[in-house]
């Protein structure tokens, strides 16, 4: 019997965190966050301003907040608010 992937979690159920980062750090962050498959997704919401969205899946918020705090010690990640959610 083949294993089936669980259905995707809608972004509306995720907890979104927004950060301003340097462009050179975007690839590094994406690489690290992709290693935590199924816990989050990272998207660029404003490439010019360097704004990224990290959507954290329900049940992983505390762990991801710990990881984001650690990553913030390695690269500059300035938390920002983002109002343009229609993406």
PDB file of N, CA and C in Angstrom:
ATOM      1  N   UNK A   1       0.844  -1.169   0.000  1.00  0.00           N
ATOM      2  CA  UNK A   1       0.000   0.000   0.000  1.00  0.00           C
ATOM      3  C   UNK A   1       0.893   1.236   0.000  1.00  0.00           C
ATOM      4  N   UNK A   2       0.647   2.148  -0.898  1.00  0.00           N
ATOM      5  CA  UNK A   2       1.454   3.367  -1.029  1.00  0.00           C
ATOM      6  C   UNK A   2       1.022   4.404   0.001  1.00  0.00           C
ATOM      7  N   UNK A   3       2.004   5.130   0.511  1.00  0.00           N
ATOM      8  CA  UNK A   3       1.714   6.228   1.447  1.00  0.00           C
ATOM      9  C   UNK A   3       1.215   7.421   0.664  1.00  0.00           C
ATOM     10  N   UNK A   4       0.231   8.083   1.207  1.00  0.00           N
ATOM     11  CA  UNK A   4      -0.293   9.284   0.571  1.00  0.00           C
ATOM     12  C   UNK A   4       0.082  10.488   1.407  1.00  0.00           C
ATOM     13  N   UNK A   5       0.419  11.572   0.729  1.00  0.00           N
ATOM     14  CA  UNK A   5       0.741  12.817   1.423  1.00  0.00           C
ATOM     15  C   UNK A   5      -0.535  13.399   2.009  1.00  0.00           C
ATOM     16  N   UNK A   6      -0.418  14.037   3.171  1.00  0.00           N
ATOM     17  CA  UNK A   6      -1.595  14.686   3.731  1.00  0.00           C
ATOM     18  C   UNK A   6      -2.023  15.843   2.846  1.00  0.00           C
ATOM     19  N   UNK A   7      -3.294  16.238   2.908  1.00  0.00           N
ATOM     20  CA  UNK A   7      -3.730  17.363   2.088  1.00  0.00           C
ATOM     21  C   UNK A   7      -2.998  18.638   2.505  1.00  0.00           C
ATOM     22  N   UNK A   8      -2.748  19.543   1.568  1.00  0.00           N
ATOM     23  CA  UNK A   8      -2.040  20.772   1.907  1.00  0.00           C
ATOM     24  C   UNK A   8      -2.857  21.638   2.873  1.00  0.00           C
ATOM     25  N   UNK A   9      -2.157  22.325   3.740  1.00  0.00           N
ATOM     26  CA  UNK A   9      -2.807  23.232   4.691  1.00  0.00           C
ATOM     27  C   UNK A   9      -3.023  24.561   3.978  1.00  0.00           C
ATOM     28  N   UNK A  10      -4.238  25.112   4.000  1.00  0.00           N
ATOM     29  CA  UNK A  10      -4.462  26.401   3.351  1.00  0.00           C
ATOM     30  C   UNK A  10      -3.644  27.494   4.040  1.00  0.00           C
ATOM     31  N   UNK A  11      -3.150  28.432   3.255  1.00  0.00           N
ATOM     32  CA  UNK A  11      -2.358  29.525   3.804  1.00  0.00           C
ATOM     33  C   UNK A  11      -3.147  30.291   4.862  1.00  0.00           C
ATOM     34  N   UNK A  12      -4.464  30.316   4.744  1.00  0.00           N
ATOM     35  CA  UNK A  12      -5.279  31.027   5.728  1.00  0.00           C
ATOM     36  C   UNK A  12      -5.185  30.387   7.107  1.00  0.00           C
ATOM     37  N   UNK A  13      -4.786  29.112   7.199  1.00  0.00           N
ATOM     38  CA  UNK A  13      -4.622  28.434   8.486  1.00  0.00           C
ATOM     39  C   UNK A  13      -3.215  28.614   9.059  1.00  0.00           C
ATOM     40  N   UNK A  14      -2.297  29.113   8.242  1.00  0.00           N
ATOM     41  CA  UNK A  14      -0.909  29.277   8.671  1.00  0.00           C
ATOM     42  C   UNK A  14      -0.752  30.577   9.459  1.00  0.00           C
ATOM     43  N   UNK A  15       0.285  30.608  10.275  1.00  0.00           N
ATOM     44  CA  UNK A  15       0.682  31.821  10.989  1.00  0.00           C
ATOM     45  C   UNK A  15       1.798  32.450  10.169  1.00  0.00           C
ATOM     46  N   UNK A  16       1.557  33.657   9.684  1.00  0.00           N
ATOM     47  CA  UNK A  16       2.530  34.296   8.798  1.00  0.00           C
ATOM     48  C   UNK A  16       3.410  35.276   9.553  1.00  0.00           C
ATOM     49  N   UNK A  17       4.695  35.192   9.277  1.00  0.00           N
ATOM     50  CA  UNK A  17       5.695  36.110   9.816  1.00  0.00           C
ATOM     51  C   UNK A  17       6.331  36.819   8.621  1.00  0.00           C
ATOM     52  N   UNK A  18       6.529  38.122   8.742  1.00  0.00           N
ATOM     53  CA  UNK A  18       7.118  38.920   7.667  1.00  0.00           C
ATOM     54  C   UNK A  18       8.413  39.542   8.155  1.00  0.00           C
ATOM     55  N   UNK A  19       9.426  39.525   7.274  1.00  0.00           N
ATOM     56  CA  UNK A  19      10.733  40.069   7.623  1.00  0.00           C
ATOM     57  C   UNK A  19      11.320  40.816   6.435  1.00  0.00           C
ATOM     58  N   UNK A  20      12.097  41.850   6.746  1.00  0.00           N
ATOM     59  CA  UNK A  20      12.921  42.504   5.728  1.00  0.00           C
ATOM     60  C   UNK A  20      14.306  41.871   5.855  1.00  0.00           C
ATOM     61  N   UNK A  21      14.817  41.369   4.741  1.00  0.00           N
ATOM     62  CA  UNK A  21      16.128  40.728   4.738  1.00  0.00           C
ATOM     63  C   UNK A  21      16.935  41.247   3.553  1.00  0.00           C
ATOM     64  N   UNK A  22      18.237  41.096   3.644  1.00  0.00           N
ATOM     65  CA  UNK A  22      19.094  41.447   2.515  1.00  0.00           C
ATOM     66  C   UNK A  22      18.904  40.399   1.429  1.00  0.00           C
ATOM     67  N   UNK A  23      18.968  40.852   0.184  1.00  0.00           N
ATOM     68  CA  UNK A  23      18.753  39.933  -0.931  1.00  0.00           C
ATOM     69  C   UNK A  23      19.713  38.752  -0.884  1.00  0.00           C
ATOM     70  N   UNK A  24      20.944  38.994  -0.484  1.00  0.00           N
ATOM     71  CA  UNK A  24      21.925  37.902  -0.462  1.00  0.00           C
ATOM     72  C   UNK A  24      21.580  36.839   0.574  1.00  0.00           C
ATOM     73  N   UNK A  25      20.747  37.190   1.562  1.00  0.00           N
ATOM     74  CA  UNK A  25      20.366  36.232   2.599  1.00  0.00           C
ATOM     75  C   UNK A  25      19.110  35.440   2.249  1.00  0.00           C
ATOM     76  N   UNK A  26      18.370  35.865   1.232  1.00  0.00           N
ATOM     77  CA  UNK A  26      17.122  35.179   0.871  1.00  0.00           C
ATOM     78  C   UNK A  26      17.359  33.718   0.497  1.00  0.00           C
ATOM     79  N   UNK A  27      18.385  33.462  -0.299  1.00  0.00           N
ATOM     80  CA  UNK A  27      18.662  32.095  -0.745  1.00  0.00           C
ATOM     81  C   UNK A  27      19.080  31.230   0.447  1.00  0.00           C
ATOM     82  N   UNK A  28      19.912  31.788   1.318  1.00  0.00           N
ATOM     83  CA  UNK A  28      20.346  31.056   2.509  1.00  0.00           C
ATOM     84  C   UNK A  28      19.140  30.673   3.363  1.00  0.00           C
ATOM     85  N   UNK A  29      18.264  31.641   3.627  1.00  0.00           N
ATOM     86  CA  UNK A  29      17.079  31.375   4.447  1.00  0.00           C
ATOM     87  C   UNK A  29      16.183  30.339   3.787  1.00  0.00           C
ATOM     88  N   UNK A  30      15.967  30.473   2.492  1.00  0.00           N
ATOM     89  CA  UNK A  30      15.119  29.513   1.766  1.00  0.00           C
ATOM     90  C   UNK A  30      15.698  28.101   1.887  1.00  0.00           C
ATOM     91  N   UNK A  31      17.003  27.985   1.731  1.00  0.00           N
ATOM     92  CA  UNK A  31      17.676  26.688   1.822  1.00  0.00           C
ATOM     93  C   UNK A  31      17.472  26.066   3.211  1.00  0.00           C
ATOM     94  N   UNK A  32      17.694  26.851   4.257  1.00  0.00           N
ATOM     95  CA  UNK A  32      17.542  26.342   5.623  1.00  0.00           C
ATOM     96  C   UNK A  32      16.083  25.981   5.900  1.00  0.00           C
ATOM     97  N   UNK A  33      15.161  26.858   5.552  1.00  0.00           N
ATOM     98  CA  UNK A  33      13.749  26.621   5.858  1.00  0.00           C
ATOM     99  C   UNK A  33      13.181  25.434   5.085  1.00  0.00           C
ATOM    100  N   UNK A  34      13.670  25.208   3.869  1.00  0.00           N
ATOM    101  CA  UNK A  34      13.194  24.049   3.106  1.00  0.00           C
ATOM    102  C   UNK A  34      13.595  22.732   3.758  1.00  0.00           C
ATOM    103  N   UNK A  35      14.633  22.757   4.565  1.00  0.00           N
ATOM    104  CA  UNK A  35      15.052  21.539   5.275  1.00  0.00           C
ATOM    105  C   UNK A  35      14.013  21.122   6.314  1.00  0.00           C
ATOM    106  N   UNK A  36      13.177  22.061   6.723  1.00  0.00           N
ATOM    107  CA  UNK A  36      12.109  21.781   7.690  1.00  0.00           C
ATOM    108  C   UNK A  36      10.796  21.558   6.938  1.00  0.00           C
ATOM    109  N   UNK A  37      10.849  20.653   5.991  1.00  0.00           N
ATOM    110  CA  UNK A  37       9.732  20.350   5.099  1.00  0.00           C
ATOM    111  C   UNK A  37       8.446  20.065   5.866  1.00  0.00           C
ATOM    112  N   UNK A  38       7.377  20.682   5.410  1.00  0.00           N
ATOM    113  CA  UNK A  38       6.072  20.459   6.015  1.00  0.00           C
ATOM    114  C   UNK A  38       5.756  21.363   7.186  1.00  0.00           C
ATOM    115  N   UNK A  39       6.738  22.160   7.621  1.00  0.00           N
ATOM    116  CA  UNK A  39       6.494  23.039   8.762  1.00  0.00           C
ATOM    117  C   UNK A  39       6.269  24.482   8.355  1.00  0.00           C
ATOM    118  N   UNK A  40       6.741  24.848   7.155  1.00  0.00           N
ATOM    119  CA  UNK A  40       6.672  26.246   6.742  1.00  0.00           C
ATOM    120  C   UNK A  40       6.842  26.362   5.238  1.00  0.00           C
ATOM    121  N   UNK A  41       6.519  27.545   4.740  1.00  0.00           N
ATOM    122  CA  UNK A  41       6.874  27.921   3.374  1.00  0.00           C
ATOM    123  C   UNK A  41       7.380  29.351   3.417  1.00  0.00           C
ATOM    124  N   UNK A  42       8.377  29.630   2.614  1.00  0.00           N
ATOM    125  CA  UNK A  42       8.900  30.989   2.523  1.00  0.00           C
ATOM    126  C   UNK A  42       8.617  31.525   1.138  1.00  0.00           C
ATOM    127  N   UNK A  43       8.117  32.760   1.086  1.00  0.00           N
ATOM    128  CA  UNK A  43       7.830  33.423  -0.183  1.00  0.00           C
ATOM    129  C   UNK A  43       8.368  34.842  -0.128  1.00  0.00           C
ATOM    130  N   UNK A  44       8.771  35.344  -1.273  1.00  0.00           N
ATOM    131  CA  UNK A  44       9.150  36.748  -1.379  1.00  0.00           C
ATOM    132  C   UNK A  44       7.891  37.525  -1.730  1.00  0.00           C
ATOM    133  N   UNK A  45       7.529  38.504  -0.908  1.00  0.00           N
ATOM    134  CA  UNK A  45       6.320  39.279  -1.189  1.00  0.00           C
ATOM    135  C   UNK A  45       6.642  40.643  -1.788  1.00  0.00           C
ATOM    136  N   UNK A  46       7.866  41.144  -1.592  1.00  0.00           N
ATOM    137  CA  UNK A  46       8.315  42.395  -2.205  1.00  0.00           C
ATOM    138  C   UNK A  46       9.814  42.272  -2.447  1.00  0.00           C
ATOM    139  N   UNK A  47      10.170  41.913  -3.665  1.00  0.00           N
ATOM    140  CA  UNK A  47      11.574  41.683  -3.986  1.00  0.00           C
ATOM    141  C   UNK A  47      12.395  42.968  -3.892  1.00  0.00           C
ATOM    142  N   UNK A  48      11.830  44.081  -4.287  1.00  0.00           N
ATOM    143  CA  UNK A  48      12.563  45.351  -4.256  1.00  0.00           C
ATOM    144  C   UNK A  48      12.915  45.733  -2.824  1.00  0.00           C
ATOM    145  N   UNK A  49      11.946  45.612  -1.915  1.00  0.00           N
ATOM    146  CA  UNK A  49      12.167  45.978  -0.514  1.00  0.00           C
ATOM    147  C   UNK A  49      12.806  44.851   0.292  1.00  0.00           C
ATOM    148  N   UNK A  50      12.874  43.649  -0.268  1.00  0.00           N
ATOM    149  CA  UNK A  50      13.463  42.520   0.451  1.00  0.00           C
ATOM    150  C   UNK A  50      12.559  41.966   1.539  1.00  0.00           C
ATOM    151  N   UNK A  51      11.241  41.963   1.276  1.00  0.00           N
ATOM    152  CA  UNK A  51      10.279  41.466   2.266  1.00  0.00           C
ATOM    153  C   UNK A  51       9.932  40.011   1.939  1.00  0.00           C
ATOM    154  N   UNK A  52      10.075  39.155   2.953  1.00  0.00           N
ATOM    155  CA  UNK A  52       9.702  37.750   2.800  1.00  0.00           C
ATOM    156  C   UNK A  52       8.574  37.417   3.763  1.00  0.00           C
ATOM    157  N   UNK A  53       7.799  36.407   3.383  1.00  0.00           N
ATOM    158  CA  UNK A  53       6.749  35.872   4.262  1.00  0.00           C
ATOM    159  C   UNK A  53       7.128  34.442   4.587  1.00  0.00           C
ATOM    160  N   UNK A  54       7.090  34.126   5.858  1.00  0.00           N
ATOM    161  CA  UNK A  54       7.276  32.744   6.290  1.00  0.00           C
ATOM    162  C   UNK A  54       5.951  32.307   6.880  1.00  0.00           C
ATOM    163  N   UNK A  55       5.288  31.392   6.180  1.00  0.00           N
ATOM    164  CA  UNK A  55       3.993  30.866   6.615  1.00  0.00           C
ATOM    165  C   UNK A  55       4.268  29.593   7.406  1.00  0.00           C
ATOM    166  N   UNK A  56       3.932  29.627   8.685  1.00  0.00           N
ATOM    167  CA  UNK A  56       4.195  28.507   9.585  1.00  0.00           C
ATOM    168  C   UNK A  56       2.917  27.686   9.738  1.00  0.00           C
ATOM    169  N   UNK A  57       3.035  26.407   9.518  1.00  0.00           N
ATOM    170  CA  UNK A  57       1.884  25.526   9.610  1.00  0.00           C
ATOM    171  C   UNK A  57       1.454  25.345  11.073  1.00  0.00           C
ATOM    172  N   UNK A  58       0.146  25.154  11.272  1.00  0.00           N
ATOM    173  CA  UNK A  58      -0.354  24.949  12.635  1.00  0.00           C
ATOM    174  C   UNK A  58       0.380  23.787  13.311  1.00  0.00           C
ATOM    175  N   UNK A  59       0.676  23.958  14.575  1.00  0.00           N
ATOM    176  CA  UNK A  59       1.365  22.919  15.333  1.00  0.00           C
ATOM    177  C   UNK A  59       2.877  23.071  15.355  1.00  0.00           C
ATOM    178  N   UNK A  60       3.423  23.988  14.542  1.00  0.00           N
ATOM    179  CA  UNK A  60       4.873  24.162  14.470  1.00  0.00           C
ATOM    180  C   UNK A  60       5.314  25.579  14.827  1.00  0.00           C
ATOM    181  N   UNK A  61       4.409  26.384  15.346  1.00  0.00           N
ATOM    182  CA  UNK A  61       4.712  27.798  15.591  1.00  0.00           C
ATOM    183  C   UNK A  61       5.852  27.964  16.597  1.00  0.00           C
ATOM    184  N   UNK A  62       5.800  27.295  17.723  1.00  0.00           N
ATOM    185  CA  UNK A  62       6.843  27.453  18.744  1.00  0.00           C
ATOM    186  C   UNK A  62       8.210  27.022  18.211  1.00  0.00           C
ATOM    187  N   UNK A  63       8.259  25.887  17.533  1.00  0.00           N
ATOM    188  CA  UNK A  63       9.524  25.405  16.998  1.00  0.00           C
ATOM    189  C   UNK A  63      10.079  26.352  15.939  1.00  0.00           C
ATOM    190  N   UNK A  64       9.206  26.843  15.067  1.00  0.00           N
ATOM    191  CA  UNK A  64       9.661  27.750  14.022  1.00  0.00           C
ATOM    192  C   UNK A  64      10.066  29.098  14.597  1.00  0.00           C
ATOM    193  N   UNK A  65       9.377  29.579  15.630  1.00  0.00           N
ATOM    194  CA  UNK A  65       9.798  30.831  16.267  1.00  0.00           C
ATOM    195  C   UNK A  65      11.191  30.686  16.862  1.00  0.00           C
ATOM    196  N   UNK A  66      11.492  29.525  17.457  1.00  0.00           N
ATOM    197  CA  UNK A  66      12.837  29.265  17.971  1.00  0.00           C
ATOM    198  C   UNK A  66      13.864  29.266  16.834  1.00  0.00           C
ATOM    199  N   UNK A  67      13.521  28.605  15.734  1.00  0.00           N
ATOM    200  CA  UNK A  67      14.424  28.555  14.585  1.00  0.00           C
ATOM    201  C   UNK A  67      14.630  29.953  14.010  1.00  0.00           C
ATOM    202  N   UNK A  68      13.558  30.723  13.870  1.00  0.00           N
ATOM    203  CA  UNK A  68      13.682  32.078  13.315  1.00  0.00           C
ATOM    204  C   UNK A  68      14.526  32.966  14.220  1.00  0.00           C
ATOM    205  N   UNK A  69      14.407  32.793  15.528  1.00  0.00           N
ATOM    206  CA  UNK A  69      15.245  33.553  16.459  1.00  0.00           C
ATOM    207  C   UNK A  69      16.714  33.201  16.256  1.00  0.00           C
ATOM    208  N   UNK A  70      17.008  31.920  16.077  1.00  0.00           N
ATOM    209  CA  UNK A  70      18.391  31.492  15.836  1.00  0.00           C
ATOM    210  C   UNK A  70      18.894  32.026  14.497  1.00  0.00           C
ATOM    211  N   UNK A  71      18.075  31.934  13.461  1.00  0.00           N
ATOM    212  CA  UNK A  71      18.485  32.466  12.162  1.00  0.00           C
ATOM    213  C   UNK A  71      18.722  33.970  12.242  1.00  0.00           C
ATOM    214  N   UNK A  72      17.936  34.669  13.063  1.00  0.00           N
ATOM    215  CA  UNK A  72      18.098  36.106  13.243  1.00  0.00           C
ATOM    216  C   UNK A  72      19.416  36.471  13.903  1.00  0.00           C
ATOM    217  N   UNK A  73      20.054  35.534  14.562  1.00  0.00           N
ATOM    218  CA  UNK A  73      21.391  35.770  15.114  1.00  0.00           C
ATOM    219  C   UNK A  73      22.471  35.608  14.046  1.00  0.00           C
ATOM    220  N   UNK A  74      22.119  34.968  12.946  1.00  0.00           N
ATOM    221  CA  UNK A  74      23.093  34.709  11.873  1.00  0.00           C
ATOM    222  C   UNK A  74      22.967  35.693  10.712  1.00  0.00           C
ATOM    223  N   UNK A  75      21.745  36.132  10.427  1.00  0.00           N
ATOM    224  CA  UNK A  75      21.501  37.105   9.363  1.00  0.00           C
ATOM    225  C   UNK A  75      20.541  38.167   9.896  1.00  0.00           C
ATOM    226  N   UNK A  76      20.568  39.335   9.280  1.00  0.00           N
ATOM    227  CA  UNK A  76      19.669  40.408   9.710  1.00  0.00           C
ATOM    228  C   UNK A  76      18.269  40.141   9.166  1.00  0.00           C
ATOM    229  N   UNK A  77      17.338  39.941  10.084  1.00  0.00           N
ATOM    230  CA  UNK A  77      15.930  39.708   9.739  1.00  0.00           C
ATOM    231  C   UNK A  77      15.108  40.683  10.574  1.00  0.00           C
ATOM    232  N   UNK A  78      14.649  41.749   9.943  1.00  0.00           N
ATOM    233  CA  UNK A  78      13.878  42.752  10.663  1.00  0.00           C
ATOM    234  C   UNK A  78      12.395  42.444  10.515  1.00  0.00           C
ATOM    235  N   UNK A  79      11.699  42.166  11.623  1.00  0.00           N
ATOM    236  CA  UNK A  79      10.255  41.907  11.516  1.00  0.00           C
ATOM    237  C   UNK A  79       9.532  43.149  10.982  1.00  0.00           C
ATOM    238  N   UNK A  80       8.590  42.929  10.085  1.00  0.00           N
ATOM    239  CA  UNK A  80       7.780  44.019   9.525  1.00  0.00           C
ATOM    240  C   UNK A  80       6.323  43.577   9.479  1.00  0.00           C
ATOM    241  N   UNK A  81       5.441  44.550   9.434  1.00  0.00           N
ATOM    242  CA  UNK A  81       4.036  44.212   9.206  1.00  0.00           C
ATOM    243  C   UNK A  81       3.778  44.310   7.721  1.00  0.00           C
ATOM    244  N   UNK A  82       2.843  43.509   7.243  1.00  0.00           N
ATOM    245  CA  UNK A  82       2.547  43.472   5.807  1.00  0.00           C
ATOM    246  C   UNK A  82       1.038  43.412   5.651  1.00  0.00           C
ATOM    247  N   UNK A  83       0.502  44.379   4.953  1.00  0.00           N
ATOM    248  CA  UNK A  83      -0.951  44.501   4.808  1.00  0.00           C
ATOM    249  C   UNK A  83      -1.483  43.929   3.506  1.00  0.00           C
ATOM    250  N   UNK A  84      -0.633  43.693   2.529  1.00  0.00           N
ATOM    251  CA  UNK A  84      -1.083  43.269   1.215  1.00  0.00           C
ATOM    252  C   UNK A  84      -1.172  41.757   1.135  1.00  0.00           C
ATOM    253  N   UNK A  85      -2.146  41.177   1.824  1.00  0.00           N
ATOM    254  CA  UNK A  85      -2.287  39.724   1.907  1.00  0.00           C
ATOM    255  C   UNK A  85      -2.909  39.100   0.670  1.00  0.00           C
ATOM    256  N   UNK A  86      -3.297  39.849  -0.322  1.00  0.00           N
ATOM    257  CA  UNK A  86      -3.973  39.284  -1.470  1.00  0.00           C
ATOM    258  C   UNK A  86      -3.050  38.566  -2.426  1.00  0.00           C
ATOM    259  N   UNK A  87      -2.041  37.892  -1.955  1.00  0.00           N
ATOM    260  CA  UNK A  87      -1.072  37.221  -2.808  1.00  0.00           C
ATOM    261  C   UNK A  87      -1.418  35.786  -3.003  1.00  0.00           C
TER     262      UNK A  87
END
